[in-house]
């Protein structure tokens, strides 16, 4: 959905990275 998300795409991917950093249960 990259095209539909527009400017939201990069922030969403960045947030997803925080869920994989091993610091959260």
PDBML (XML) file of the C-alpha atoms, coordinates in Angstrom:
<?xml version="1.0" encoding="UTF-8" ?>
<PDBx:datablock datablockName="MODEL"
   xmlns:PDBx="http://pdbml.pdb.org/schema/pdbx-v50.xsd"
   xmlns:xsi="http://www.w3.org/2001/XMLSchema-instance"
   xsi:schemaLocation="http://pdbml.pdb.org/schema/pdbx-v50.xsd pdbx-v50.xsd">
   <PDBx:atom_siteCategory>
      <PDBx:atom_site id="1">
         <PDBx:B_iso_or_equiv>0.00</PDBx:B_iso_or_equiv>
         <PDBx:Cartn_x>0.000</PDBx:Cartn_x>
         <PDBx:Cartn_y>0.000</PDBx:Cartn_y>
         <PDBx:Cartn_z>0.000</PDBx:Cartn_z>
         <PDBx:auth_asym_id>A</PDBx:auth_asym_id>
         <PDBx:auth_atom_id>CA</PDBx:auth_atom_id>
         <PDBx:auth_comp_id>UNK</PDBx:auth_comp_id>
         <PDBx:auth_seq_id>1</PDBx:auth_seq_id>
         <PDBx:group_PDB>ATOM</PDBx:group_PDB>
         <PDBx:label_alt_id xsi:nil="true" />
         <PDBx:label_asym_id>A</PDBx:label_asym_id>
         <PDBx:label_atom_id>CA</PDBx:label_atom_id>
         <PDBx:label_comp_id>UNK</PDBx:label_comp_id>
         <PDBx:label_entity_id>1</PDBx:label_entity_id>
         <PDBx:label_seq_id>1</PDBx:label_seq_id>
         <PDBx:occupancy>1.00</PDBx:occupancy>
         <PDBx:pdbx_PDB_model_num>1</PDBx:pdbx_PDB_model_num>
         <PDBx:type_symbol>C</PDBx:type_symbol>
      </PDBx:atom_site>
      <PDBx:atom_site id="2">
         <PDBx:B_iso_or_equiv>0.00</PDBx:B_iso_or_equiv>
         <PDBx:Cartn_x>3.033</PDBx:Cartn_x>
         <PDBx:Cartn_y>2.262</PDBx:Cartn_y>
         <PDBx:Cartn_z>-0.388</PDBx:Cartn_z>
         <PDBx:auth_asym_id>A</PDBx:auth_asym_id>
         <PDBx:auth_atom_id>CA</PDBx:auth_atom_id>
         <PDBx:auth_comp_id>UNK</PDBx:auth_comp_id>
         <PDBx:auth_seq_id>2</PDBx:auth_seq_id>
         <PDBx:group_PDB>ATOM</PDBx:group_PDB>
         <PDBx:label_alt_id xsi:nil="true" />
         <PDBx:label_asym_id>A</PDBx:label_asym_id>
         <PDBx:label_atom_id>CA</PDBx:label_atom_id>
         <PDBx:label_comp_id>UNK</PDBx:label_comp_id>
         <PDBx:label_entity_id>1</PDBx:label_entity_id>
         <PDBx:label_seq_id>2</PDBx:label_seq_id>
         <PDBx:occupancy>1.00</PDBx:occupancy>
         <PDBx:pdbx_PDB_model_num>1</PDBx:pdbx_PDB_model_num>
         <PDBx:type_symbol>C</PDBx:type_symbol>
      </PDBx:atom_site>
      <PDBx:atom_site id="3">
         <PDBx:B_iso_or_equiv>0.00</PDBx:B_iso_or_equiv>
         <PDBx:Cartn_x>1.438</PDBx:Cartn_x>
         <PDBx:Cartn_y>4.508</PDBx:Cartn_y>
         <PDBx:Cartn_z>-3.002</PDBx:Cartn_z>
         <PDBx:auth_asym_id>A</PDBx:auth_asym_id>
         <PDBx:auth_atom_id>CA</PDBx:auth_atom_id>
         <PDBx:auth_comp_id>UNK</PDBx:auth_comp_id>
         <PDBx:auth_seq_id>3</PDBx:auth_seq_id>
         <PDBx:group_PDB>ATOM</PDBx:group_PDB>
         <PDBx:label_alt_id xsi:nil="true" />
         <PDBx:label_asym_id>A</PDBx:label_asym_id>
         <PDBx:label_atom_id>CA</PDBx:label_atom_id>
         <PDBx:label_comp_id>UNK</PDBx:label_comp_id>
         <PDBx:label_entity_id>1</PDBx:label_entity_id>
         <PDBx:label_seq_id>3</PDBx:label_seq_id>
         <PDBx:occupancy>1.00</PDBx:occupancy>
         <PDBx:pdbx_PDB_model_num>1</PDBx:pdbx_PDB_model_num>
         <PDBx:type_symbol>C</PDBx:type_symbol>
      </PDBx:atom_site>
      <PDBx:atom_site id="4">
         <PDBx:B_iso_or_equiv>0.00</PDBx:B_iso_or_equiv>
         <PDBx:Cartn_x>-1.815</PDBx:Cartn_x>
         <PDBx:Cartn_y>4.842</PDBx:Cartn_y>
         <PDBx:Cartn_z>-1.080</PDBx:Cartn_z>
         <PDBx:auth_asym_id>A</PDBx:auth_asym_id>
         <PDBx:auth_atom_id>CA</PDBx:auth_atom_id>
         <PDBx:auth_comp_id>UNK</PDBx:auth_comp_id>
         <PDBx:auth_seq_id>4</PDBx:auth_seq_id>
         <PDBx:group_PDB>ATOM</PDBx:group_PDB>
         <PDBx:label_alt_id xsi:nil="true" />
         <PDBx:label_asym_id>A</PDBx:label_asym_id>
         <PDBx:label_atom_id>CA</PDBx:label_atom_id>
         <PDBx:label_comp_id>UNK</PDBx:label_comp_id>
         <PDBx:label_entity_id>1</PDBx:label_entity_id>
         <PDBx:label_seq_id>4</PDBx:label_seq_id>
         <PDBx:occupancy>1.00</PDBx:occupancy>
         <PDBx:pdbx_PDB_model_num>1</PDBx:pdbx_PDB_model_num>
         <PDBx:type_symbol>C</PDBx:type_symbol>
      </PDBx:atom_site>
      <PDBx:atom_site id="5">
         <PDBx:B_iso_or_equiv>0.00</PDBx:B_iso_or_equiv>
         <PDBx:Cartn_x>-0.022</PDBx:Cartn_x>
         <PDBx:Cartn_y>5.619</PDBx:Cartn_y>
         <PDBx:Cartn_z>2.176</PDBx:Cartn_z>
         <PDBx:auth_asym_id>A</PDBx:auth_asym_id>
         <PDBx:auth_atom_id>CA</PDBx:auth_atom_id>
         <PDBx:auth_comp_id>UNK</PDBx:auth_comp_id>
         <PDBx:auth_seq_id>5</PDBx:auth_seq_id>
         <PDBx:group_PDB>ATOM</PDBx:group_PDB>
         <PDBx:label_alt_id xsi:nil="true" />
         <PDBx:label_asym_id>A</PDBx:label_asym_id>
         <PDBx:label_atom_id>CA</PDBx:label_atom_id>
         <PDBx:label_comp_id>UNK</PDBx:label_comp_id>
         <PDBx:label_entity_id>1</PDBx:label_entity_id>
         <PDBx:label_seq_id>5</PDBx:label_seq_id>
         <PDBx:occupancy>1.00</PDBx:occupancy>
         <PDBx:pdbx_PDB_model_num>1</PDBx:pdbx_PDB_model_num>
         <PDBx:type_symbol>C</PDBx:type_symbol>
      </PDBx:atom_site>
      <PDBx:atom_site id="6">
         <PDBx:B_iso_or_equiv>0.00</PDBx:B_iso_or_equiv>
         <PDBx:Cartn_x>2.030</PDBx:Cartn_x>
         <PDBx:Cartn_y>8.409</PDBx:Cartn_y>
         <PDBx:Cartn_z>0.665</PDBx:Cartn_z>
         <PDBx:auth_asym_id>A</PDBx:auth_asym_id>
         <PDBx:auth_atom_id>CA</PDBx:auth_atom_id>
         <PDBx:auth_comp_id>UNK</PDBx:auth_comp_id>
         <PDBx:auth_seq_id>6</PDBx:auth_seq_id>
         <PDBx:group_PDB>ATOM</PDBx:group_PDB>
         <PDBx:label_alt_id xsi:nil="true" />
         <PDBx:label_asym_id>A</PDBx:label_asym_id>
         <PDBx:label_atom_id>CA</PDBx:label_atom_id>
         <PDBx:label_comp_id>UNK</PDBx:label_comp_id>
         <PDBx:label_entity_id>1</PDBx:label_entity_id>
         <PDBx:label_seq_id>6</PDBx:label_seq_id>
         <PDBx:occupancy>1.00</PDBx:occupancy>
         <PDBx:pdbx_PDB_model_num>1</PDBx:pdbx_PDB_model_num>
         <PDBx:type_symbol>C</PDBx:type_symbol>
      </PDBx:atom_site>
      <PDBx:atom_site id="7">
         <PDBx:B_iso_or_equiv>0.00</PDBx:B_iso_or_equiv>
         <PDBx:Cartn_x>3.875</PDBx:Cartn_x>
         <PDBx:Cartn_y>10.357</PDBx:Cartn_y>
         <PDBx:Cartn_z>3.391</PDBx:Cartn_z>
         <PDBx:auth_asym_id>A</PDBx:auth_asym_id>
         <PDBx:auth_atom_id>CA</PDBx:auth_atom_id>
         <PDBx:auth_comp_id>UNK</PDBx:auth_comp_id>
         <PDBx:auth_seq_id>7</PDBx:auth_seq_id>
         <PDBx:group_PDB>ATOM</PDBx:group_PDB>
         <PDBx:label_alt_id xsi:nil="true" />
         <PDBx:label_asym_id>A</PDBx:label_asym_id>
         <PDBx:label_atom_id>CA</PDBx:label_atom_id>
         <PDBx:label_comp_id>UNK</PDBx:label_comp_id>
         <PDBx:label_entity_id>1</PDBx:label_entity_id>
         <PDBx:label_seq_id>7</PDBx:label_seq_id>
         <PDBx:occupancy>1.00</PDBx:occupancy>
         <PDBx:pdbx_PDB_model_num>1</PDBx:pdbx_PDB_model_num>
         <PDBx:type_symbol>C</PDBx:type_symbol>
      </PDBx:atom_site>
      <PDBx:atom_site id="8">
         <PDBx:B_iso_or_equiv>0.00</PDBx:B_iso_or_equiv>
         <PDBx:Cartn_x>2.737</PDBx:Cartn_x>
         <PDBx:Cartn_y>7.868</PDBx:Cartn_y>
         <PDBx:Cartn_z>6.033</PDBx:Cartn_z>
         <PDBx:auth_asym_id>A</PDBx:auth_asym_id>
         <PDBx:auth_atom_id>CA</PDBx:auth_atom_id>
         <PDBx:auth_comp_id>UNK</PDBx:auth_comp_id>
         <PDBx:auth_seq_id>8</PDBx:auth_seq_id>
         <PDBx:group_PDB>ATOM</PDBx:group_PDB>
         <PDBx:label_alt_id xsi:nil="true" />
         <PDBx:label_asym_id>A</PDBx:label_asym_id>
         <PDBx:label_atom_id>CA</PDBx:label_atom_id>
         <PDBx:label_comp_id>UNK</PDBx:label_comp_id>
         <PDBx:label_entity_id>1</PDBx:label_entity_id>
         <PDBx:label_seq_id>8</PDBx:label_seq_id>
         <PDBx:occupancy>1.00</PDBx:occupancy>
         <PDBx:pdbx_PDB_model_num>1</PDBx:pdbx_PDB_model_num>
         <PDBx:type_symbol>C</PDBx:type_symbol>
      </PDBx:atom_site>
      <PDBx:atom_site id="9">
         <PDBx:B_iso_or_equiv>0.00</PDBx:B_iso_or_equiv>
         <PDBx:Cartn_x>4.764</PDBx:Cartn_x>
         <PDBx:Cartn_y>5.015</PDBx:Cartn_y>
         <PDBx:Cartn_z>4.531</PDBx:Cartn_z>
         <PDBx:auth_asym_id>A</PDBx:auth_asym_id>
         <PDBx:auth_atom_id>CA</PDBx:auth_atom_id>
         <PDBx:auth_comp_id>UNK</PDBx:auth_comp_id>
         <PDBx:auth_seq_id>9</PDBx:auth_seq_id>
         <PDBx:group_PDB>ATOM</PDBx:group_PDB>
         <PDBx:label_alt_id xsi:nil="true" />
         <PDBx:label_asym_id>A</PDBx:label_asym_id>
         <PDBx:label_atom_id>CA</PDBx:label_atom_id>
         <PDBx:label_comp_id>UNK</PDBx:label_comp_id>
         <PDBx:label_entity_id>1</PDBx:label_entity_id>
         <PDBx:label_seq_id>9</PDBx:label_seq_id>
         <PDBx:occupancy>1.00</PDBx:occupancy>
         <PDBx:pdbx_PDB_model_num>1</PDBx:pdbx_PDB_model_num>
         <PDBx:type_symbol>C</PDBx:type_symbol>
      </PDBx:atom_site>
      <PDBx:atom_site id="10">
         <PDBx:B_iso_or_equiv>0.00</PDBx:B_iso_or_equiv>
         <PDBx:Cartn_x>8.200</PDBx:Cartn_x>
         <PDBx:Cartn_y>5.907</PDBx:Cartn_y>
         <PDBx:Cartn_z>5.938</PDBx:Cartn_z>
         <PDBx:auth_asym_id>A</PDBx:auth_asym_id>
         <PDBx:auth_atom_id>CA</PDBx:auth_atom_id>
         <PDBx:auth_comp_id>UNK</PDBx:auth_comp_id>
         <PDBx:auth_seq_id>10</PDBx:auth_seq_id>
         <PDBx:group_PDB>ATOM</PDBx:group_PDB>
         <PDBx:label_alt_id xsi:nil="true" />
         <PDBx:label_asym_id>A</PDBx:label_asym_id>
         <PDBx:label_atom_id>CA</PDBx:label_atom_id>
         <PDBx:label_comp_id>UNK</PDBx:label_comp_id>
         <PDBx:label_entity_id>1</PDBx:label_entity_id>
         <PDBx:label_seq_id>10</PDBx:label_seq_id>
         <PDBx:occupancy>1.00</PDBx:occupancy>
         <PDBx:pdbx_PDB_model_num>1</PDBx:pdbx_PDB_model_num>
         <PDBx:type_symbol>C</PDBx:type_symbol>
      </PDBx:atom_site>
      <PDBx:atom_site id="11">
         <PDBx:B_iso_or_equiv>0.00</PDBx:B_iso_or_equiv>
         <PDBx:Cartn_x>6.945</PDBx:Cartn_x>
         <PDBx:Cartn_y>6.712</PDBx:Cartn_y>
         <PDBx:Cartn_z>9.488</PDBx:Cartn_z>
         <PDBx:auth_asym_id>A</PDBx:auth_asym_id>
         <PDBx:auth_atom_id>CA</PDBx:auth_atom_id>
         <PDBx:auth_comp_id>UNK</PDBx:auth_comp_id>
         <PDBx:auth_seq_id>11</PDBx:auth_seq_id>
         <PDBx:group_PDB>ATOM</PDBx:group_PDB>
         <PDBx:label_alt_id xsi:nil="true" />
         <PDBx:label_asym_id>A</PDBx:label_asym_id>
         <PDBx:label_atom_id>CA</PDBx:label_atom_id>
         <PDBx:label_comp_id>UNK</PDBx:label_comp_id>
         <PDBx:label_entity_id>1</PDBx:label_entity_id>
         <PDBx:label_seq_id>11</PDBx:label_seq_id>
         <PDBx:occupancy>1.00</PDBx:occupancy>
         <PDBx:pdbx_PDB_model_num>1</PDBx:pdbx_PDB_model_num>
         <PDBx:type_symbol>C</PDBx:type_symbol>
      </PDBx:atom_site>
      <PDBx:atom_site id="12">
         <PDBx:B_iso_or_equiv>0.00</PDBx:B_iso_or_equiv>
         <PDBx:Cartn_x>5.042</PDBx:Cartn_x>
         <PDBx:Cartn_y>3.422</PDBx:Cartn_y>
         <PDBx:Cartn_z>9.561</PDBx:Cartn_z>
         <PDBx:auth_asym_id>A</PDBx:auth_asym_id>
         <PDBx:auth_atom_id>CA</PDBx:auth_atom_id>
         <PDBx:auth_comp_id>UNK</PDBx:auth_comp_id>
         <PDBx:auth_seq_id>12</PDBx:auth_seq_id>
         <PDBx:group_PDB>ATOM</PDBx:group_PDB>
         <PDBx:label_alt_id xsi:nil="true" />
         <PDBx:label_asym_id>A</PDBx:label_asym_id>
         <PDBx:label_atom_id>CA</PDBx:label_atom_id>
         <PDBx:label_comp_id>UNK</PDBx:label_comp_id>
         <PDBx:label_entity_id>1</PDBx:label_entity_id>
         <PDBx:label_seq_id>12</PDBx:label_seq_id>
         <PDBx:occupancy>1.00</PDBx:occupancy>
         <PDBx:pdbx_PDB_model_num>1</PDBx:pdbx_PDB_model_num>
         <PDBx:type_symbol>C</PDBx:type_symbol>
      </PDBx:atom_site>
      <PDBx:atom_site id="13">
         <PDBx:B_iso_or_equiv>0.00</PDBx:B_iso_or_equiv>
         <PDBx:Cartn_x>8.147</PDBx:Cartn_x>
         <PDBx:Cartn_y>1.466</PDBx:Cartn_y>
         <PDBx:Cartn_z>8.558</PDBx:Cartn_z>
         <PDBx:auth_asym_id>A</PDBx:auth_asym_id>
         <PDBx:auth_atom_id>CA</PDBx:auth_atom_id>
         <PDBx:auth_comp_id>UNK</PDBx:auth_comp_id>
         <PDBx:auth_seq_id>13</PDBx:auth_seq_id>
         <PDBx:group_PDB>ATOM</PDBx:group_PDB>
         <PDBx:label_alt_id xsi:nil="true" />
         <PDBx:label_asym_id>A</PDBx:label_asym_id>
         <PDBx:label_atom_id>CA</PDBx:label_atom_id>
         <PDBx:label_comp_id>UNK</PDBx:label_comp_id>
         <PDBx:label_entity_id>1</PDBx:label_entity_id>
         <PDBx:label_seq_id>13</PDBx:label_seq_id>
         <PDBx:occupancy>1.00</PDBx:occupancy>
         <PDBx:pdbx_PDB_model_num>1</PDBx:pdbx_PDB_model_num>
         <PDBx:type_symbol>C</PDBx:type_symbol>
      </PDBx:atom_site>
      <PDBx:atom_site id="14">
         <PDBx:B_iso_or_equiv>0.00</PDBx:B_iso_or_equiv>
         <PDBx:Cartn_x>10.228</PDBx:Cartn_x>
         <PDBx:Cartn_y>3.342</PDBx:Cartn_y>
         <PDBx:Cartn_z>11.131</PDBx:Cartn_z>
         <PDBx:auth_asym_id>A</PDBx:auth_asym_id>
         <PDBx:auth_atom_id>CA</PDBx:auth_atom_id>
         <PDBx:auth_comp_id>UNK</PDBx:auth_comp_id>
         <PDBx:auth_seq_id>14</PDBx:auth_seq_id>
         <PDBx:group_PDB>ATOM</PDBx:group_PDB>
         <PDBx:label_alt_id xsi:nil="true" />
         <PDBx:label_asym_id>A</PDBx:label_asym_id>
         <PDBx:label_atom_id>CA</PDBx:label_atom_id>
         <PDBx:label_comp_id>UNK</PDBx:label_comp_id>
         <PDBx:label_entity_id>1</PDBx:label_entity_id>
         <PDBx:label_seq_id>14</PDBx:label_seq_id>
         <PDBx:occupancy>1.00</PDBx:occupancy>
         <PDBx:pdbx_PDB_model_num>1</PDBx:pdbx_PDB_model_num>
         <PDBx:type_symbol>C</PDBx:type_symbol>
      </PDBx:atom_site>
      <PDBx:atom_site id="15">
         <PDBx:B_iso_or_equiv>0.00</PDBx:B_iso_or_equiv>
         <PDBx:Cartn_x>7.702</PDBx:Cartn_x>
         <PDBx:Cartn_y>2.527</PDBx:Cartn_y>
         <PDBx:Cartn_z>13.854</PDBx:Cartn_z>
         <PDBx:auth_asym_id>A</PDBx:auth_asym_id>
         <PDBx:auth_atom_id>CA</PDBx:auth_atom_id>
         <PDBx:auth_comp_id>UNK</PDBx:auth_comp_id>
         <PDBx:auth_seq_id>15</PDBx:auth_seq_id>
         <PDBx:group_PDB>ATOM</PDBx:group_PDB>
         <PDBx:label_alt_id xsi:nil="true" />
         <PDBx:label_asym_id>A</PDBx:label_asym_id>
         <PDBx:label_atom_id>CA</PDBx:label_atom_id>
         <PDBx:label_comp_id>UNK</PDBx:label_comp_id>
         <PDBx:label_entity_id>1</PDBx:label_entity_id>
         <PDBx:label_seq_id>15</PDBx:label_seq_id>
         <PDBx:occupancy>1.00</PDBx:occupancy>
         <PDBx:pdbx_PDB_model_num>1</PDBx:pdbx_PDB_model_num>
         <PDBx:type_symbol>C</PDBx:type_symbol>
      </PDBx:atom_site>
      <PDBx:atom_site id="16">
         <PDBx:B_iso_or_equiv>0.00</PDBx:B_iso_or_equiv>
         <PDBx:Cartn_x>7.701</PDBx:Cartn_x>
         <PDBx:Cartn_y>-1.121</PDBx:Cartn_y>
         <PDBx:Cartn_z>12.802</PDBx:Cartn_z>
         <PDBx:auth_asym_id>A</PDBx:auth_asym_id>
         <PDBx:auth_atom_id>CA</PDBx:auth_atom_id>
         <PDBx:auth_comp_id>UNK</PDBx:auth_comp_id>
         <PDBx:auth_seq_id>16</PDBx:auth_seq_id>
         <PDBx:group_PDB>ATOM</PDBx:group_PDB>
         <PDBx:label_alt_id xsi:nil="true" />
         <PDBx:label_asym_id>A</PDBx:label_asym_id>
         <PDBx:label_atom_id>CA</PDBx:label_atom_id>
         <PDBx:label_comp_id>UNK</PDBx:label_comp_id>
         <PDBx:label_entity_id>1</PDBx:label_entity_id>
         <PDBx:label_seq_id>16</PDBx:label_seq_id>
         <PDBx:occupancy>1.00</PDBx:occupancy>
         <PDBx:pdbx_PDB_model_num>1</PDBx:pdbx_PDB_model_num>
         <PDBx:type_symbol>C</PDBx:type_symbol>
      </PDBx:atom_site>
      <PDBx:atom_site id="17">
         <PDBx:B_iso_or_equiv>0.00</PDBx:B_iso_or_equiv>
         <PDBx:Cartn_x>11.489</PDBx:Cartn_x>
         <PDBx:Cartn_y>-1.155</PDBx:Cartn_y>
         <PDBx:Cartn_z>13.276</PDBx:Cartn_z>
         <PDBx:auth_asym_id>A</PDBx:auth_asym_id>
         <PDBx:auth_atom_id>CA</PDBx:auth_atom_id>
         <PDBx:auth_comp_id>UNK</PDBx:auth_comp_id>
         <PDBx:auth_seq_id>17</PDBx:auth_seq_id>
         <PDBx:group_PDB>ATOM</PDBx:group_PDB>
         <PDBx:label_alt_id xsi:nil="true" />
         <PDBx:label_asym_id>A</PDBx:label_asym_id>
         <PDBx:label_atom_id>CA</PDBx:label_atom_id>
         <PDBx:label_comp_id>UNK</PDBx:label_comp_id>
         <PDBx:label_entity_id>1</PDBx:label_entity_id>
         <PDBx:label_seq_id>17</PDBx:label_seq_id>
         <PDBx:occupancy>1.00</PDBx:occupancy>
         <PDBx:pdbx_PDB_model_num>1</PDBx:pdbx_PDB_model_num>
         <PDBx:type_symbol>C</PDBx:type_symbol>
      </PDBx:atom_site>
      <PDBx:atom_site id="18">
         <PDBx:B_iso_or_equiv>0.00</PDBx:B_iso_or_equiv>
         <PDBx:Cartn_x>11.010</PDBx:Cartn_x>
         <PDBx:Cartn_y>-0.107</PDBx:Cartn_y>
         <PDBx:Cartn_z>16.910</PDBx:Cartn_z>
         <PDBx:auth_asym_id>A</PDBx:auth_asym_id>
         <PDBx:auth_atom_id>CA</PDBx:auth_atom_id>
         <PDBx:auth_comp_id>UNK</PDBx:auth_comp_id>
         <PDBx:auth_seq_id>18</PDBx:auth_seq_id>
         <PDBx:group_PDB>ATOM</PDBx:group_PDB>
         <PDBx:label_alt_id xsi:nil="true" />
         <PDBx:label_asym_id>A</PDBx:label_asym_id>
         <PDBx:label_atom_id>CA</PDBx:label_atom_id>
         <PDBx:label_comp_id>UNK</PDBx:label_comp_id>
         <PDBx:label_entity_id>1</PDBx:label_entity_id>
         <PDBx:label_seq_id>18</PDBx:label_seq_id>
         <PDBx:occupancy>1.00</PDBx:occupancy>
         <PDBx:pdbx_PDB_model_num>1</PDBx:pdbx_PDB_model_num>
         <PDBx:type_symbol>C</PDBx:type_symbol>
      </PDBx:atom_site>
      <PDBx:atom_site id="19">
         <PDBx:B_iso_or_equiv>0.00</PDBx:B_iso_or_equiv>
         <PDBx:Cartn_x>8.866</PDBx:Cartn_x>
         <PDBx:Cartn_y>-3.203</PDBx:Cartn_y>
         <PDBx:Cartn_z>17.466</PDBx:Cartn_z>
         <PDBx:auth_asym_id>A</PDBx:auth_asym_id>
         <PDBx:auth_atom_id>CA</PDBx:auth_atom_id>
         <PDBx:auth_comp_id>UNK</PDBx:auth_comp_id>
         <PDBx:auth_seq_id>19</PDBx:auth_seq_id>
         <PDBx:group_PDB>ATOM</PDBx:group_PDB>
         <PDBx:label_alt_id xsi:nil="true" />
         <PDBx:label_asym_id>A</PDBx:label_asym_id>
         <PDBx:label_atom_id>CA</PDBx:label_atom_id>
         <PDBx:label_comp_id>UNK</PDBx:label_comp_id>
         <PDBx:label_entity_id>1</PDBx:label_entity_id>
         <PDBx:label_seq_id>19</PDBx:label_seq_id>
         <PDBx:occupancy>1.00</PDBx:occupancy>
         <PDBx:pdbx_PDB_model_num>1</PDBx:pdbx_PDB_model_num>
         <PDBx:type_symbol>C</PDBx:type_symbol>
      </PDBx:atom_site>
      <PDBx:atom_site id="20">
         <PDBx:B_iso_or_equiv>0.00</PDBx:B_iso_or_equiv>
         <PDBx:Cartn_x>11.766</PDBx:Cartn_x>
         <PDBx:Cartn_y>-5.423</PDBx:Cartn_y>
         <PDBx:Cartn_z>16.382</PDBx:Cartn_z>
         <PDBx:auth_asym_id>A</PDBx:auth_asym_id>
         <PDBx:auth_atom_id>CA</PDBx:auth_atom_id>
         <PDBx:auth_comp_id>UNK</PDBx:auth_comp_id>
         <PDBx:auth_seq_id>20</PDBx:auth_seq_id>
         <PDBx:group_PDB>ATOM</PDBx:group_PDB>
         <PDBx:label_alt_id xsi:nil="true" />
         <PDBx:label_asym_id>A</PDBx:label_asym_id>
         <PDBx:label_atom_id>CA</PDBx:label_atom_id>
         <PDBx:label_comp_id>UNK</PDBx:label_comp_id>
         <PDBx:label_entity_id>1</PDBx:label_entity_id>
         <PDBx:label_seq_id>20</PDBx:label_seq_id>
         <PDBx:occupancy>1.00</PDBx:occupancy>
         <PDBx:pdbx_PDB_model_num>1</PDBx:pdbx_PDB_model_num>
         <PDBx:type_symbol>C</PDBx:type_symbol>
      </PDBx:atom_site>
      <PDBx:atom_site id="21">
         <PDBx:B_iso_or_equiv>0.00</PDBx:B_iso_or_equiv>
         <PDBx:Cartn_x>14.589</PDBx:Cartn_x>
         <PDBx:Cartn_y>-3.839</PDBx:Cartn_y>
         <PDBx:Cartn_z>18.386</PDBx:Cartn_z>
         <PDBx:auth_asym_id>A</PDBx:auth_asym_id>
         <PDBx:auth_atom_id>CA</PDBx:auth_atom_id>
         <PDBx:auth_comp_id>UNK</PDBx:auth_comp_id>
         <PDBx:auth_seq_id>21</PDBx:auth_seq_id>
         <PDBx:group_PDB>ATOM</PDBx:group_PDB>
         <PDBx:label_alt_id xsi:nil="true" />
         <PDBx:label_asym_id>A</PDBx:label_asym_id>
         <PDBx:label_atom_id>CA</PDBx:label_atom_id>
         <PDBx:label_comp_id>UNK</PDBx:label_comp_id>
         <PDBx:label_entity_id>1</PDBx:label_entity_id>
         <PDBx:label_seq_id>21</PDBx:label_seq_id>
         <PDBx:occupancy>1.00</PDBx:occupancy>
         <PDBx:pdbx_PDB_model_num>1</PDBx:pdbx_PDB_model_num>
         <PDBx:type_symbol>C</PDBx:type_symbol>
      </PDBx:atom_site>
      <PDBx:atom_site id="22">
         <PDBx:B_iso_or_equiv>0.00</PDBx:B_iso_or_equiv>
         <PDBx:Cartn_x>14.392</PDBx:Cartn_x>
         <PDBx:Cartn_y>-6.432</PDBx:Cartn_y>
         <PDBx:Cartn_z>21.161</PDBx:Cartn_z>
         <PDBx:auth_asym_id>A</PDBx:auth_asym_id>
         <PDBx:auth_atom_id>CA</PDBx:auth_atom_id>
         <PDBx:auth_comp_id>UNK</PDBx:auth_comp_id>
         <PDBx:auth_seq_id>22</PDBx:auth_seq_id>
         <PDBx:group_PDB>ATOM</PDBx:group_PDB>
         <PDBx:label_alt_id xsi:nil="true" />
         <PDBx:label_asym_id>A</PDBx:label_asym_id>
         <PDBx:label_atom_id>CA</PDBx:label_atom_id>
         <PDBx:label_comp_id>UNK</PDBx:label_comp_id>
         <PDBx:label_entity_id>1</PDBx:label_entity_id>
         <PDBx:label_seq_id>22</PDBx:label_seq_id>
         <PDBx:occupancy>1.00</PDBx:occupancy>
         <PDBx:pdbx_PDB_model_num>1</PDBx:pdbx_PDB_model_num>
         <PDBx:type_symbol>C</PDBx:type_symbol>
      </PDBx:atom_site>
      <PDBx:atom_site id="23">
         <PDBx:B_iso_or_equiv>0.00</PDBx:B_iso_or_equiv>
         <PDBx:Cartn_x>13.624</PDBx:Cartn_x>
         <PDBx:Cartn_y>-3.937</PDBx:Cartn_y>
         <PDBx:Cartn_z>23.898</PDBx:Cartn_z>
         <PDBx:auth_asym_id>A</PDBx:auth_asym_id>
         <PDBx:auth_atom_id>CA</PDBx:auth_atom_id>
         <PDBx:auth_comp_id>UNK</PDBx:auth_comp_id>
         <PDBx:auth_seq_id>23</PDBx:auth_seq_id>
         <PDBx:group_PDB>ATOM</PDBx:group_PDB>
         <PDBx:label_alt_id xsi:nil="true" />
         <PDBx:label_asym_id>A</PDBx:label_asym_id>
         <PDBx:label_atom_id>CA</PDBx:label_atom_id>
         <PDBx:label_comp_id>UNK</PDBx:label_comp_id>
         <PDBx:label_entity_id>1</PDBx:label_entity_id>
         <PDBx:label_seq_id>23</PDBx:label_seq_id>
         <PDBx:occupancy>1.00</PDBx:occupancy>
         <PDBx:pdbx_PDB_model_num>1</PDBx:pdbx_PDB_model_num>
         <PDBx:type_symbol>C</PDBx:type_symbol>
      </PDBx:atom_site>
      <PDBx:atom_site id="24">
         <PDBx:B_iso_or_equiv>0.00</PDBx:B_iso_or_equiv>
         <PDBx:Cartn_x>9.891</PDBx:Cartn_x>
         <PDBx:Cartn_y>-4.640</PDBx:Cartn_y>
         <PDBx:Cartn_z>24.111</PDBx:Cartn_z>
         <PDBx:auth_asym_id>A</PDBx:auth_asym_id>
         <PDBx:auth_atom_id>CA</PDBx:auth_atom_id>
         <PDBx:auth_comp_id>UNK</PDBx:auth_comp_id>
         <PDBx:auth_seq_id>24</PDBx:auth_seq_id>
         <PDBx:group_PDB>ATOM</PDBx:group_PDB>
         <PDBx:label_alt_id xsi:nil="true" />
         <PDBx:label_asym_id>A</PDBx:label_asym_id>
         <PDBx:label_atom_id>CA</PDBx:label_atom_id>
         <PDBx:label_comp_id>UNK</PDBx:label_comp_id>
         <PDBx:label_entity_id>1</PDBx:label_entity_id>
         <PDBx:label_seq_id>24</PDBx:label_seq_id>
         <PDBx:occupancy>1.00</PDBx:occupancy>
         <PDBx:pdbx_PDB_model_num>1</PDBx:pdbx_PDB_model_num>
         <PDBx:type_symbol>C</PDBx:type_symbol>
      </PDBx:atom_site>
      <PDBx:atom_site id="25">
         <PDBx:B_iso_or_equiv>0.00</PDBx:B_iso_or_equiv>
         <PDBx:Cartn_x>8.257</PDBx:Cartn_x>
         <PDBx:Cartn_y>-7.800</PDBx:Cartn_y>
         <PDBx:Cartn_z>25.377</PDBx:Cartn_z>
         <PDBx:auth_asym_id>A</PDBx:auth_asym_id>
         <PDBx:auth_atom_id>CA</PDBx:auth_atom_id>
         <PDBx:auth_comp_id>UNK</PDBx:auth_comp_id>
         <PDBx:auth_seq_id>25</PDBx:auth_seq_id>
         <PDBx:group_PDB>ATOM</PDBx:group_PDB>
         <PDBx:label_alt_id xsi:nil="true" />
         <PDBx:label_asym_id>A</PDBx:label_asym_id>
         <PDBx:label_atom_id>CA</PDBx:label_atom_id>
         <PDBx:label_comp_id>UNK</PDBx:label_comp_id>
         <PDBx:label_entity_id>1</PDBx:label_entity_id>
         <PDBx:label_seq_id>25</PDBx:label_seq_id>
         <PDBx:occupancy>1.00</PDBx:occupancy>
         <PDBx:pdbx_PDB_model_num>1</PDBx:pdbx_PDB_model_num>
         <PDBx:type_symbol>C</PDBx:type_symbol>
      </PDBx:atom_site>
   </PDBx:atom_siteCategory>
</PDBx:datablock>
